[in-house]
PDB file of N, CA and C in Angstrom:
ATOM      1  N   MET A   1       0.683  -1.260   0.399  1.00  0.00           N
ATOM      2  CA  MET A   1      -0.051   0.270  -0.096  1.00  0.00           C
ATOM      3  C   MET A   1       0.180   1.491   0.554  1.00  0.00           C
ATOM      4  N   THR A   2       0.651   2.122  -0.706  1.00  0.00           N
ATOM      5  CA  THR A   2       0.904   3.125  -1.389  1.00  0.00           C
ATOM      6  C   THR A   2       0.527   4.209  -0.107  1.00  0.00           C
ATOM      7  N   GLU A   3       1.094   5.560   0.372  1.00  0.00           N
ATOM      8  CA  GLU A   3       1.232   6.806   1.124  1.00  0.00           C
ATOM      9  C   GLU A   3       1.044   7.778   0.439  1.00  0.00           C
ATOM     10  N   ILE A   4       0.247   8.122   0.829  1.00  0.00           N
ATOM     11  CA  ILE A   4      -0.377   9.586   0.007  1.00  0.00           C
ATOM     12  C   ILE A   4       1.043  10.750   1.016  1.00  0.00           C
ATOM     13  N   VAL A   5       1.022  11.671   0.381  1.00  0.00           N
ATOM     14  CA  VAL A   5       2.064  12.688   0.207  1.00  0.00           C
ATOM     15  C   VAL A   5       1.178  13.566   0.126  1.00  0.00           C
ATOM     16  N   ARG A   6       1.133  14.551   0.639  1.00  0.00           N
ATOM     17  CA  ARG A   6       0.827  15.907   0.530  1.00  0.00           C
ATOM     18  C   ARG A   6       1.976  17.124   0.903  1.00  0.00           C
ATOM     19  N   TYR A   7       2.122  17.959   0.254  1.00  0.00           N
ATOM     20  CA  TYR A   7       3.298  18.677   0.688  1.00  0.00           C
ATOM     21  C   TYR A   7       2.868  20.594   0.184  1.00  0.00           C
ATOM     22  N   LEU A   8       3.536  21.154   0.849  1.00  0.00           N
ATOM     23  CA  LEU A   8       4.036  22.882   0.341  1.00  0.00           C
ATOM     24  C   LEU A   8       5.312  23.263   0.481  1.00  0.00           C
ATOM     25  N   ASP A   9       5.390  23.820  -0.455  1.00  0.00           N
ATOM     26  CA  ASP A   9       6.894  24.116  -0.187  1.00  0.00           C
ATOM     27  C   ASP A   9       6.073  25.784  -0.502  1.00  0.00           C
ATOM     28  N   VAL A  10       6.710  26.480   0.746  1.00  0.00           N
ATOM     29  CA  VAL A  10       6.452  28.132   1.271  1.00  0.00           C
ATOM     30  C   VAL A  10       6.869  29.020   0.333  1.00  0.00           C
ATOM     31  N   PRO A  11       6.197  29.741  -0.414  1.00  0.00           N
ATOM     32  CA  PRO A  11       7.019  30.527  -0.641  1.00  0.00           C
ATOM     33  C   PRO A  11       7.733  31.819  -0.286  1.00  0.00           C
ATOM     34  N   GLU A  12       9.153  31.729  -0.802  1.00  0.00           N
ATOM     35  CA  GLU A  12      10.088  33.242   0.135  1.00  0.00           C
ATOM     36  C   GLU A  12       8.977  34.503   0.189  1.00  0.00           C
ATOM     37  N   PRO A  13       9.199  35.499   0.835  1.00  0.00           N
ATOM     38  CA  PRO A  13       9.974  35.367   1.750  1.00  0.00           C
ATOM     39  C   PRO A  13       8.964  34.544   2.760  1.00  0.00           C
ATOM     40  N   PHE A  14       9.768  33.600   3.222  1.00  0.00           N
ATOM     41  CA  PHE A  14       9.817  32.262   4.436  1.00  0.00           C
ATOM     42  C   PHE A  14       8.751  33.480   5.857  1.00  0.00           C
ATOM     43  N   PRO A  15       8.218  32.823   6.515  1.00  0.00           N
ATOM     44  CA  PRO A  15       7.210  32.858   7.636  1.00  0.00           C
ATOM     45  C   PRO A  15       8.350  32.934   8.288  1.00  0.00           C
ATOM     46  N   THR A  16       7.965  33.497   9.971  1.00  0.00           N
ATOM     47  CA  THR A  16       8.680  32.533  10.460  1.00  0.00           C
ATOM     48  C   THR A  16       8.050  32.719  11.962  1.00  0.00           C
ATOM     49  N   GLY A  17       8.222  31.281  12.886  1.00  0.00           N
ATOM     50  CA  GLY A  17       7.349  30.982  14.053  1.00  0.00           C
ATOM     51  C   GLY A  17       8.546  30.825  15.059  1.00  0.00           C
ATOM     52  N   GLU A  18       7.650  30.271  16.368  1.00  0.00           N
ATOM     53  CA  GLU A  18       9.278  28.846  17.110  1.00  0.00           C
ATOM     54  C   GLU A  18       8.999  27.740  17.421  1.00  0.00           C
ATOM     55  N   LEU A  19      10.048  27.896  17.118  1.00  0.00           N
ATOM     56  CA  LEU A  19      10.193  26.038  17.295  1.00  0.00           C
ATOM     57  C   LEU A  19      10.677  25.645  19.105  1.00  0.00           C
ATOM     58  N   ARG A  20       9.697  24.726  19.469  1.00  0.00           N
ATOM     59  CA  ARG A  20       9.866  24.401  20.391  1.00  0.00           C
ATOM     60  C   ARG A  20      10.723  23.080  20.473  1.00  0.00           C
ATOM     61  N   LEU A  21      11.842  23.649  21.488  1.00  0.00           N
ATOM     62  CA  LEU A  21      13.425  22.352  21.923  1.00  0.00           C
ATOM     63  C   LEU A  21      13.039  21.314  22.623  1.00  0.00           C
ATOM     64  N   PRO A  22      13.296  20.101  22.688  1.00  0.00           N
ATOM     65  CA  PRO A  22      12.522  18.756  23.668  1.00  0.00           C
ATOM     66  C   PRO A  22      12.899  19.552  24.865  1.00  0.00           C
ATOM     67  N   GLY A  23      12.518  18.905  26.003  1.00  0.00           N
ATOM     68  CA  GLY A  23      12.915  18.556  27.646  1.00  0.00           C
ATOM     69  C   GLY A  23      12.399  20.088  27.676  1.00  0.00           C
ATOM     70  N   ASN A  24      13.191  20.815  28.524  1.00  0.00           N
ATOM     71  CA  ASN A  24      12.927  22.280  28.732  1.00  0.00           C
ATOM     72  C   ASN A  24      14.037  23.416  28.153  1.00  0.00           C
ATOM     73  N   GLY A  25      14.285  23.020  27.182  1.00  0.00           N
ATOM     74  CA  GLY A  25      15.462  23.822  25.987  1.00  0.00           C
ATOM     75  C   GLY A  25      14.572  24.878  25.671  1.00  0.00           C
ATOM     76  N   GLY A  26      13.301  25.759  26.072  1.00  0.00           N
ATOM     77  CA  GLY A  26      13.121  26.741  24.873  1.00  0.00           C
ATOM     78  C   GLY A  26      12.523  26.843  23.815  1.00  0.00           C
ATOM     79  N   THR A  27      12.779  27.572  23.887  1.00  0.00           N
ATOM     80  CA  THR A  27      12.226  28.192  22.368  1.00  0.00           C
ATOM     81  C   THR A  27      12.942  28.713  21.160  1.00  0.00           C
ATOM     82  N   VAL A  28      13.179  28.998  20.032  1.00  0.00           N
ATOM     83  CA  VAL A  28      14.460  29.472  18.806  1.00  0.00           C
ATOM     84  C   VAL A  28      12.862  30.039  17.614  1.00  0.00           C
ATOM     85  N   ARG A  29      13.450  31.291  17.596  1.00  0.00           N
ATOM     86  CA  ARG A  29      12.954  31.654  16.053  1.00  0.00           C
ATOM     87  C   ARG A  29      12.941  31.120  14.852  1.00  0.00           C
ATOM     88  N   VAL A  30      11.925  30.594  14.154  1.00  0.00           N
ATOM     89  CA  VAL A  30      12.700  29.981  13.144  1.00  0.00           C
ATOM     90  C   VAL A  30      12.295  30.706  11.841  1.00  0.00           C
ATOM     91  N   LYS A  31      12.482  29.963  10.526  1.00  0.00           N
ATOM     92  CA  LYS A  31      12.066  29.993   9.337  1.00  0.00           C
ATOM     93  C   LYS A  31      10.734  28.839   8.984  1.00  0.00           C
ATOM     94  N   ILE A  32      10.098  28.833   8.110  1.00  0.00           N
ATOM     95  CA  ILE A  32       9.187  27.628   7.907  1.00  0.00           C
ATOM     96  C   ILE A  32       8.782  27.945   6.562  1.00  0.00           C
ATOM     97  N   LYS A  33       9.759  26.496   6.436  1.00  0.00           N
ATOM     98  CA  LYS A  33       9.779  26.315   4.701  1.00  0.00           C
ATOM     99  C   LYS A  33       8.962  25.101   3.997  1.00  0.00           C
ATOM    100  N   ARG A  34       8.806  24.703   4.553  1.00  0.00           N
ATOM    101  CA  ARG A  34       8.160  23.207   3.714  1.00  0.00           C
ATOM    102  C   ARG A  34       6.878  22.706   4.654  1.00  0.00           C
ATOM    103  N   ILE A  35       5.981  22.631   4.931  1.00  0.00           N
ATOM    104  CA  ILE A  35       5.035  21.898   5.207  1.00  0.00           C
ATOM    105  C   ILE A  35       4.357  20.280   4.222  1.00  0.00           C
ATOM    106  N   GLU A  36       4.446  18.888   5.281  1.00  0.00           N
ATOM    107  CA  GLU A  36       4.470  18.070   5.075  1.00  0.00           C
ATOM    108  C   GLU A  36       3.723  17.042   5.856  1.00  0.00           C
ATOM    109  N   GLN A  37       2.494  16.417   4.665  1.00  0.00           N
ATOM    110  CA  GLN A  37       1.580  16.025   6.049  1.00  0.00           C
ATOM    111  C   GLN A  37       2.263  14.202   5.157  1.00  0.00           C
ATOM    112  N   ARG A  38       2.148  12.954   5.816  1.00  0.00           N
ATOM    113  CA  ARG A  38       2.191  11.832   6.060  1.00  0.00           C
ATOM    114  C   ARG A  38       1.279  11.168   6.247  1.00  0.00           C
ATOM    115  N   GLY A  39       0.156   9.967   5.798  1.00  0.00           N
ATOM    116  CA  GLY A  39      -1.052   9.700   6.829  1.00  0.00           C
ATOM    117  C   GLY A  39      -1.539  11.271   6.943  1.00  0.00           C
ATOM    118  N   ASP A  40      -1.634  10.123   8.801  1.00  0.00           N
ATOM    119  CA  ASP A  40      -2.007  11.457  10.061  1.00  0.00           C
ATOM    120  C   ASP A  40      -1.063  12.266  10.794  1.00  0.00           C
ATOM    121  N   ASP A  41       1.135  12.394  10.159  1.00  0.00           N
ATOM    122  CA  ASP A  41       1.675  12.695  10.300  1.00  0.00           C
ATOM    123  C   ASP A  41       2.037  13.955  10.066  1.00  0.00           C
ATOM    124  N   ALA A  42       2.233  14.696  10.570  1.00  0.00           N
ATOM    125  CA  ALA A  42       2.521  16.269   9.824  1.00  0.00           C
ATOM    126  C   ALA A  42       3.807  17.152  10.464  1.00  0.00           C
ATOM    127  N   TRP A  43       4.783  17.014   9.769  1.00  0.00           N
ATOM    128  CA  TRP A  43       6.267  17.596   9.546  1.00  0.00           C
ATOM    129  C   TRP A  43       6.535  18.949   8.671  1.00  0.00           C
ATOM    130  N   VAL A  44       7.186  20.239   9.327  1.00  0.00           N
ATOM    131  CA  VAL A  44       7.565  21.576   8.734  1.00  0.00           C
ATOM    132  C   VAL A  44       8.777  21.071   9.141  1.00  0.00           C
ATOM    133  N   LEU A  45       9.541  21.644   7.885  1.00  0.00           N
ATOM    134  CA  LEU A  45      10.391  21.571   7.754  1.00  0.00           C
ATOM    135  C   LEU A  45      11.316  23.777   7.669  1.00  0.00           C
ATOM    136  N   VAL A  46      12.167  23.468   8.964  1.00  0.00           N
ATOM    137  CA  VAL A  46      11.703  24.821   9.304  1.00  0.00           C
ATOM    138  C   VAL A  46      13.560  25.552   9.524  1.00  0.00           C
ATOM    139  N   GLU A  47      14.172  25.897   9.250  1.00  0.00           N
ATOM    140  CA  GLU A  47      15.689  26.963   9.046  1.00  0.00           C
ATOM    141  C   GLU A  47      16.564  27.153  10.335  1.00  0.00           C
ATOM    142  N   ALA A  48      16.734  26.900  11.372  1.00  0.00           N
ATOM    143  CA  ALA A  48      16.674  27.345  12.385  1.00  0.00           C
ATOM    144  C   ALA A  48      18.570  27.378  12.513  1.00  0.00           C
ATOM    145  N   PRO A  49      18.372  28.274  13.455  1.00  0.00           N
ATOM    146  CA  PRO A  49      20.143  29.049  14.005  1.00  0.00           C
ATOM    147  C   PRO A  49      20.998  27.353  14.223  1.00  0.00           C
ATOM    148  N   ARG A  50      21.899  27.618  14.307  1.00  0.00           N
ATOM    149  CA  ARG A  50      23.239  26.993  15.502  1.00  0.00           C
ATOM    150  C   ARG A  50      24.597  27.498  15.401  1.00  0.00           C
ATOM    151  N   TRP A  51      25.178  26.787  15.401  1.00  0.00           N
ATOM    152  CA  TRP A  51      26.652  27.634  15.742  1.00  0.00           C
ATOM    153  C   TRP A  51      27.415  26.122  15.148  1.00  0.00           C
ATOM    154  N   ASN A  52      28.413  27.224  14.189  1.00  0.00           N
ATOM    155  CA  ASN A  52      29.189  26.649  13.113  1.00  0.00           C
ATOM    156  C   ASN A  52      30.255  25.986  13.759  1.00  0.00           C
ATOM    157  N   ARG A  53      31.324  24.984  13.904  1.00  0.00           N
ATOM    158  CA  ARG A  53      32.730  24.976  14.204  1.00  0.00           C
ATOM    159  C   ARG A  53      33.465  25.290  13.029  1.00  0.00           C
ATOM    160  N   TRP A  54      34.485  26.236  13.205  1.00  0.00           N
ATOM    161  CA  TRP A  54      35.443  25.894  12.383  1.00  0.00           C
ATOM    162  C   TRP A  54      37.341  26.299  13.021  1.00  0.00           C
ATOM    163  N   ARG A  55      37.495  25.334  12.162  1.00  0.00           N
ATOM    164  CA  ARG A  55      39.425  25.625  12.465  1.00  0.00           C
ATOM    165  C   ARG A  55      40.187  25.555  11.114  1.00  0.00           C
ATOM    166  N   THR A  56      41.328  26.258  11.318  1.00  0.00           N
ATOM    167  CA  THR A  56      41.948  26.641   9.622  1.00  0.00           C
ATOM    168  C   THR A  56      43.545  26.728  10.781  1.00  0.00           C
ATOM    169  N   GLN A  57      44.186  26.114   9.409  1.00  0.00           N
ATOM    170  CA  GLN A  57      45.771  26.137   9.908  1.00  0.00           C
ATOM    171  C   GLN A  57      46.519  26.407   8.769  1.00  0.00           C
ATOM    172  N   ILE A  58      47.098  27.653   8.343  1.00  0.00           N
ATOM    173  CA  ILE A  58      47.991  27.945   6.943  1.00  0.00           C
ATOM    174  C   ILE A  58      49.047  27.224   6.838  1.00  0.00           C
ATOM    175  N   GLN A  59      49.642  26.525   7.547  1.00  0.00           N
ATOM    176  CA  GLN A  59      50.728  25.263   6.825  1.00  0.00           C
ATOM    177  C   GLN A  59      50.399  24.140   7.118  1.00  0.00           C
ATOM    178  N   VAL A  60      51.483  23.321   7.139  1.00  0.00           N
ATOM    179  CA  VAL A  60      51.281  21.626   8.002  1.00  0.00           C
ATOM    180  C   VAL A  60      52.083  22.321   9.025  1.00  0.00           C
ATOM    181  N   GLY A  61      52.554  22.336  10.842  1.00  0.00           N
ATOM    182  CA  GLY A  61      53.230  22.764  12.025  1.00  0.00           C
ATOM    183  C   GLY A  61      53.002  23.950  12.440  1.00  0.00           C
ATOM    184  N   GLU A  62      52.436  24.887  11.678  1.00  0.00           N
ATOM    185  CA  GLU A  62      51.817  26.371  12.316  1.00  0.00           C
ATOM    186  C   GLU A  62      50.737  26.135  13.017  1.00  0.00           C
ATOM    187  N   GLN A  63      50.247  27.023  14.182  1.00  0.00           N
ATOM    188  CA  GLN A  63      49.590  27.384  14.727  1.00  0.00           C
ATOM    189  C   GLN A  63      48.145  26.843  14.087  1.00  0.00           C
ATOM    190  N   ALA A  64      46.807  26.195  14.742  1.00  0.00           N
ATOM    191  CA  ALA A  64      46.005  26.579  13.915  1.00  0.00           C
ATOM    192  C   ALA A  64      45.030  27.254  15.156  1.00  0.00           C
ATOM    193  N   TYR A  65      43.966  27.339  13.986  1.00  0.00           N
ATOM    194  CA  TYR A  65      43.195  28.399  14.901  1.00  0.00           C
ATOM    195  C   TYR A  65      41.538  27.341  14.983  1.00  0.00           C
ATOM    196  N   GLU A  66      40.835  27.576  16.071  1.00  0.00           N
ATOM    197  CA  GLU A  66      39.536  27.295  16.324  1.00  0.00           C
ATOM    198  C   GLU A  66      38.729  28.574  16.501  1.00  0.00           C
ATOM    199  N   GLY A  67      37.596  28.111  16.410  1.00  0.00           N
ATOM    200  CA  GLY A  67      36.174  29.485  16.778  1.00  0.00           C
ATOM    201  C   GLY A  67      34.815  28.882  16.308  1.00  0.00           C
ATOM    202  N   ILE A  68      33.989  29.483  16.820  1.00  0.00           N
ATOM    203  CA  ILE A  68      32.775  29.119  16.273  1.00  0.00           C
ATOM    204  C   ILE A  68      32.221  30.582  15.731  1.00  0.00           C
ATOM    205  N   SER A  69      31.340  29.870  14.667  1.00  0.00           N
ATOM    206  CA  SER A  69      30.513  31.080  14.323  1.00  0.00           C
ATOM    207  C   SER A  69      28.785  30.505  13.997  1.00  0.00           C
ATOM    208  N   PRO A  70      28.202  31.890  13.990  1.00  0.00           N
ATOM    209  CA  PRO A  70      27.070  31.552  13.889  1.00  0.00           C
ATOM    210  C   PRO A  70      26.220  30.875  12.735  1.00  0.00           C
ATOM    211  N   GLY A  71      25.484  30.324  12.295  1.00  0.00           N
ATOM    212  CA  GLY A  71      24.613  29.688  11.007  1.00  0.00           C
ATOM    213  C   GLY A  71      23.250  29.304  11.108  1.00  0.00           C
ATOM    214  N   VAL A  72      22.851  28.886   9.810  1.00  0.00           N
ATOM    215  CA  VAL A  72      21.544  28.143   9.982  1.00  0.00           C
ATOM    216  C   VAL A  72      22.203  26.330   9.706  1.00  0.00           C
ATOM    217  N   GLU A  73      20.164  25.873  10.092  1.00  0.00           N
ATOM    218  CA  GLU A  73      20.515  24.203   9.720  1.00  0.00           C
ATOM    219  C   GLU A  73      18.912  24.123   9.214  1.00  0.00           C
ATOM    220  N   ASP A  74      17.956  23.833   8.546  1.00  0.00           N
ATOM    221  CA  ASP A  74      17.456  22.755   8.076  1.00  0.00           C
ATOM    222  C   ASP A  74      17.402  21.508   8.841  1.00  0.00           C
ATOM    223  N   VAL A  75      15.935  21.719   9.294  1.00  0.00           N
ATOM    224  CA  VAL A  75      15.121  20.698  10.408  1.00  0.00           C
ATOM    225  C   VAL A  75      14.244  20.651  10.138  1.00  0.00           C
ATOM    226  N   TRP A  76      14.008  18.919  10.689  1.00  0.00           N
ATOM    227  CA  TRP A  76      12.491  18.534  10.145  1.00  0.00           C
ATOM    228  C   TRP A  76      11.738  18.578  11.703  1.00  0.00           C
ATOM    229  N   ALA A  77      10.795  18.842  12.083  1.00  0.00           N
ATOM    230  CA  ALA A  77      10.251  19.663  13.132  1.00  0.00           C
ATOM    231  C   ALA A  77       8.805  18.682  13.001  1.00  0.00           C
ATOM    232  N   PRO A  78       7.884  18.177  13.893  1.00  0.00           N
ATOM    233  CA  PRO A  78       6.477  17.751  14.154  1.00  0.00           C
ATOM    234  C   PRO A  78       5.938  18.692  13.929  1.00  0.00           C
ATOM    235  N   SER A  79       4.448  18.853  13.972  1.00  0.00           N
ATOM    236  CA  SER A  79       4.275  20.056  13.455  1.00  0.00           C
ATOM    237  C   SER A  79       3.867  20.424  15.308  1.00  0.00           C
ATOM    238  N   PHE A  80       3.392  19.861  15.871  1.00  0.00           N
ATOM    239  CA  PHE A  80       3.408  19.953  17.023  1.00  0.00           C
ATOM    240  C   PHE A  80       4.337  21.197  17.217  1.00  0.00           C
ATOM    241  N   ALA A  81       5.479  20.504  17.497  1.00  0.00           N
ATOM    242  CA  ALA A  81       6.490  21.974  18.095  1.00  0.00           C
ATOM    243  C   ALA A  81       6.605  22.614  17.112  1.00  0.00           C
ATOM    244  N   VAL A  82       5.906  22.895  16.338  1.00  0.00           N
ATOM    245  CA  VAL A  82       6.325  24.803  15.754  1.00  0.00           C
ATOM    246  C   VAL A  82       4.585  25.349  15.736  1.00  0.00           C
ATOM    247  N   SER A  83       5.041  26.454  16.381  1.00  0.00           N
ATOM    248  CA  SER A  83       3.912  27.663  16.277  1.00  0.00           C
ATOM    249  C   SER A  83       4.102  28.942  15.684  1.00  0.00           C
ATOM    250  N   ALA A  84       3.443  29.839  14.650  1.00  0.00           N
ATOM    251  CA  ALA A  84       3.615  30.948  14.154  1.00  0.00           C
ATOM    252  C   ALA A  84       2.077  31.557  14.822  1.00  0.00           C
ATOM    253  N   ASP A  85       2.141  33.392  14.106  1.00  0.00           N
ATOM    254  CA  ASP A  85       1.074  34.014  14.657  1.00  0.00           C
ATOM    255  C   ASP A  85       0.244  33.631  13.992  1.00  0.00           C
ATOM    256  N   SER A  86      -1.375  34.007  14.240  1.00  0.00           N
ATOM    257  CA  SER A  86      -2.131  33.617  13.610  1.00  0.00           C
ATOM    258  C   SER A  86      -2.053  33.771  12.390  1.00  0.00           C
ATOM    259  N   ASP A  87      -1.846  35.608  12.539  1.00  0.00           N
ATOM    260  CA  ASP A  87      -2.086  35.805  10.118  1.00  0.00           C
ATOM    261  C   ASP A  87      -0.606  35.162   9.308  1.00  0.00           C
ATOM    262  N   VAL A  88       0.036  34.413  10.036  1.00  0.00           N
ATOM    263  CA  VAL A  88       0.893  33.446   9.520  1.00  0.00           C
ATOM    264  C   VAL A  88       0.507  32.315   9.517  1.00  0.00           C
ATOM    265  N   TYR A  89      -0.115  31.616  10.340  1.00  0.00           N
ATOM    266  CA  TYR A  89      -1.101  30.360  10.373  1.00  0.00           C
ATOM    267  C   TYR A  89      -1.948  30.431   9.235  1.00  0.00           C
ATOM    268  N   GLN A  90      -2.676  31.385   9.276  1.00  0.00           N
ATOM    269  CA  GLN A  90      -3.884  31.692   7.932  1.00  0.00           C
ATOM    270  C   GLN A  90      -3.732  31.515   7.005  1.00  0.00           C
ATOM    271  N   ARG A  91      -2.359  32.279   6.656  1.00  0.00           N
ATOM    272  CA  ARG A  91      -1.545  32.516   5.101  1.00  0.00           C
ATOM    273  C   ARG A  91      -1.039  30.901   4.357  1.00  0.00           C
ATOM    274  N   LEU A  92      -0.592  30.380   5.573  1.00  0.00           N
ATOM    275  CA  LEU A  92       0.022  28.998   5.117  1.00  0.00           C
ATOM    276  C   LEU A  92      -1.012  28.188   4.953  1.00  0.00           C
ATOM    277  N   ARG A  93      -2.318  27.817   5.973  1.00  0.00           N
ATOM    278  CA  ARG A  93      -3.199  27.937   5.726  1.00  0.00           C
ATOM    279  C   ARG A  93      -3.672  27.385   4.553  1.00  0.00           C
ATOM    280  N   SER A  94      -3.937  28.540   3.819  1.00  0.00           N
ATOM    281  CA  SER A  94      -4.785  28.834   2.712  1.00  0.00           C
ATOM    282  C   SER A  94      -3.825  28.408   1.588  1.00  0.00           C
ATOM    283  N   LEU A  95      -2.525  28.948   1.556  1.00  0.00           N
ATOM    284  CA  LEU A  95      -1.554  28.170   0.545  1.00  0.00           C
ATOM    285  C   LEU A  95      -1.555  26.365   0.828  1.00  0.00           C
ATOM    286  N   TYR A  96      -2.015  25.623   1.741  1.00  0.00           N
ATOM    287  CA  TYR A  96      -1.769  24.378   1.758  1.00  0.00           C
ATOM    288  C   TYR A  96      -3.241  23.764   1.351  1.00  0.00           C
ATOM    289  N   LEU A  97      -4.149  24.424   1.041  1.00  0.00           N
ATOM    290  CA  LEU A  97      -5.379  24.093   1.358  1.00  0.00           C
ATOM    291  C   LEU A  97      -6.071  24.444  -0.453  1.00  0.00           C
ATOM    292  N   ALA A  98      -5.332  25.275  -1.311  1.00  0.00           N
ATOM    293  CA  ALA A  98      -4.671  25.411  -2.383  1.00  0.00           C
ATOM    294  C   ALA A  98      -4.391  24.444  -3.414  1.00  0.00           C
ATOM    295  N   ALA A  99      -3.110  24.095  -2.399  1.00  0.00           N
ATOM    296  CA  ALA A  99      -2.122  23.154  -3.070  1.00  0.00           C
ATOM    297  C   ALA A  99      -2.477  22.006  -3.672  1.00  0.00           C
ATOM    298  N   ALA A 100      -3.927  21.203  -2.561  1.00  0.00           N
ATOM    299  CA  ALA A 100      -3.996  20.177  -3.020  1.00  0.00           C
ATOM    300  C   ALA A 100      -5.100  20.128  -3.516  1.00  0.00           C
TER     301      ALA A 100
END
């Protein structure tokens, strides 16, 4: 049996929302990029902030430099973990229903 997959690629500019982190991790501000539904499960692809580690060494035997810098990462999250303002929700809902 094949499972029906419904999805919506959100057009740019991506709307913002909040992603609740597991446990007591709090929330982070994210951009909503895609909504996908497989059966009863709905997932949201979000662009979330993260820290990138970097290391550079000019020549072998020279001192290496390390650091961290801000970046972003695409993360799939269950729909119950992502929230948005009511106007964003209504816009995404109308786009999703129109795409069906």
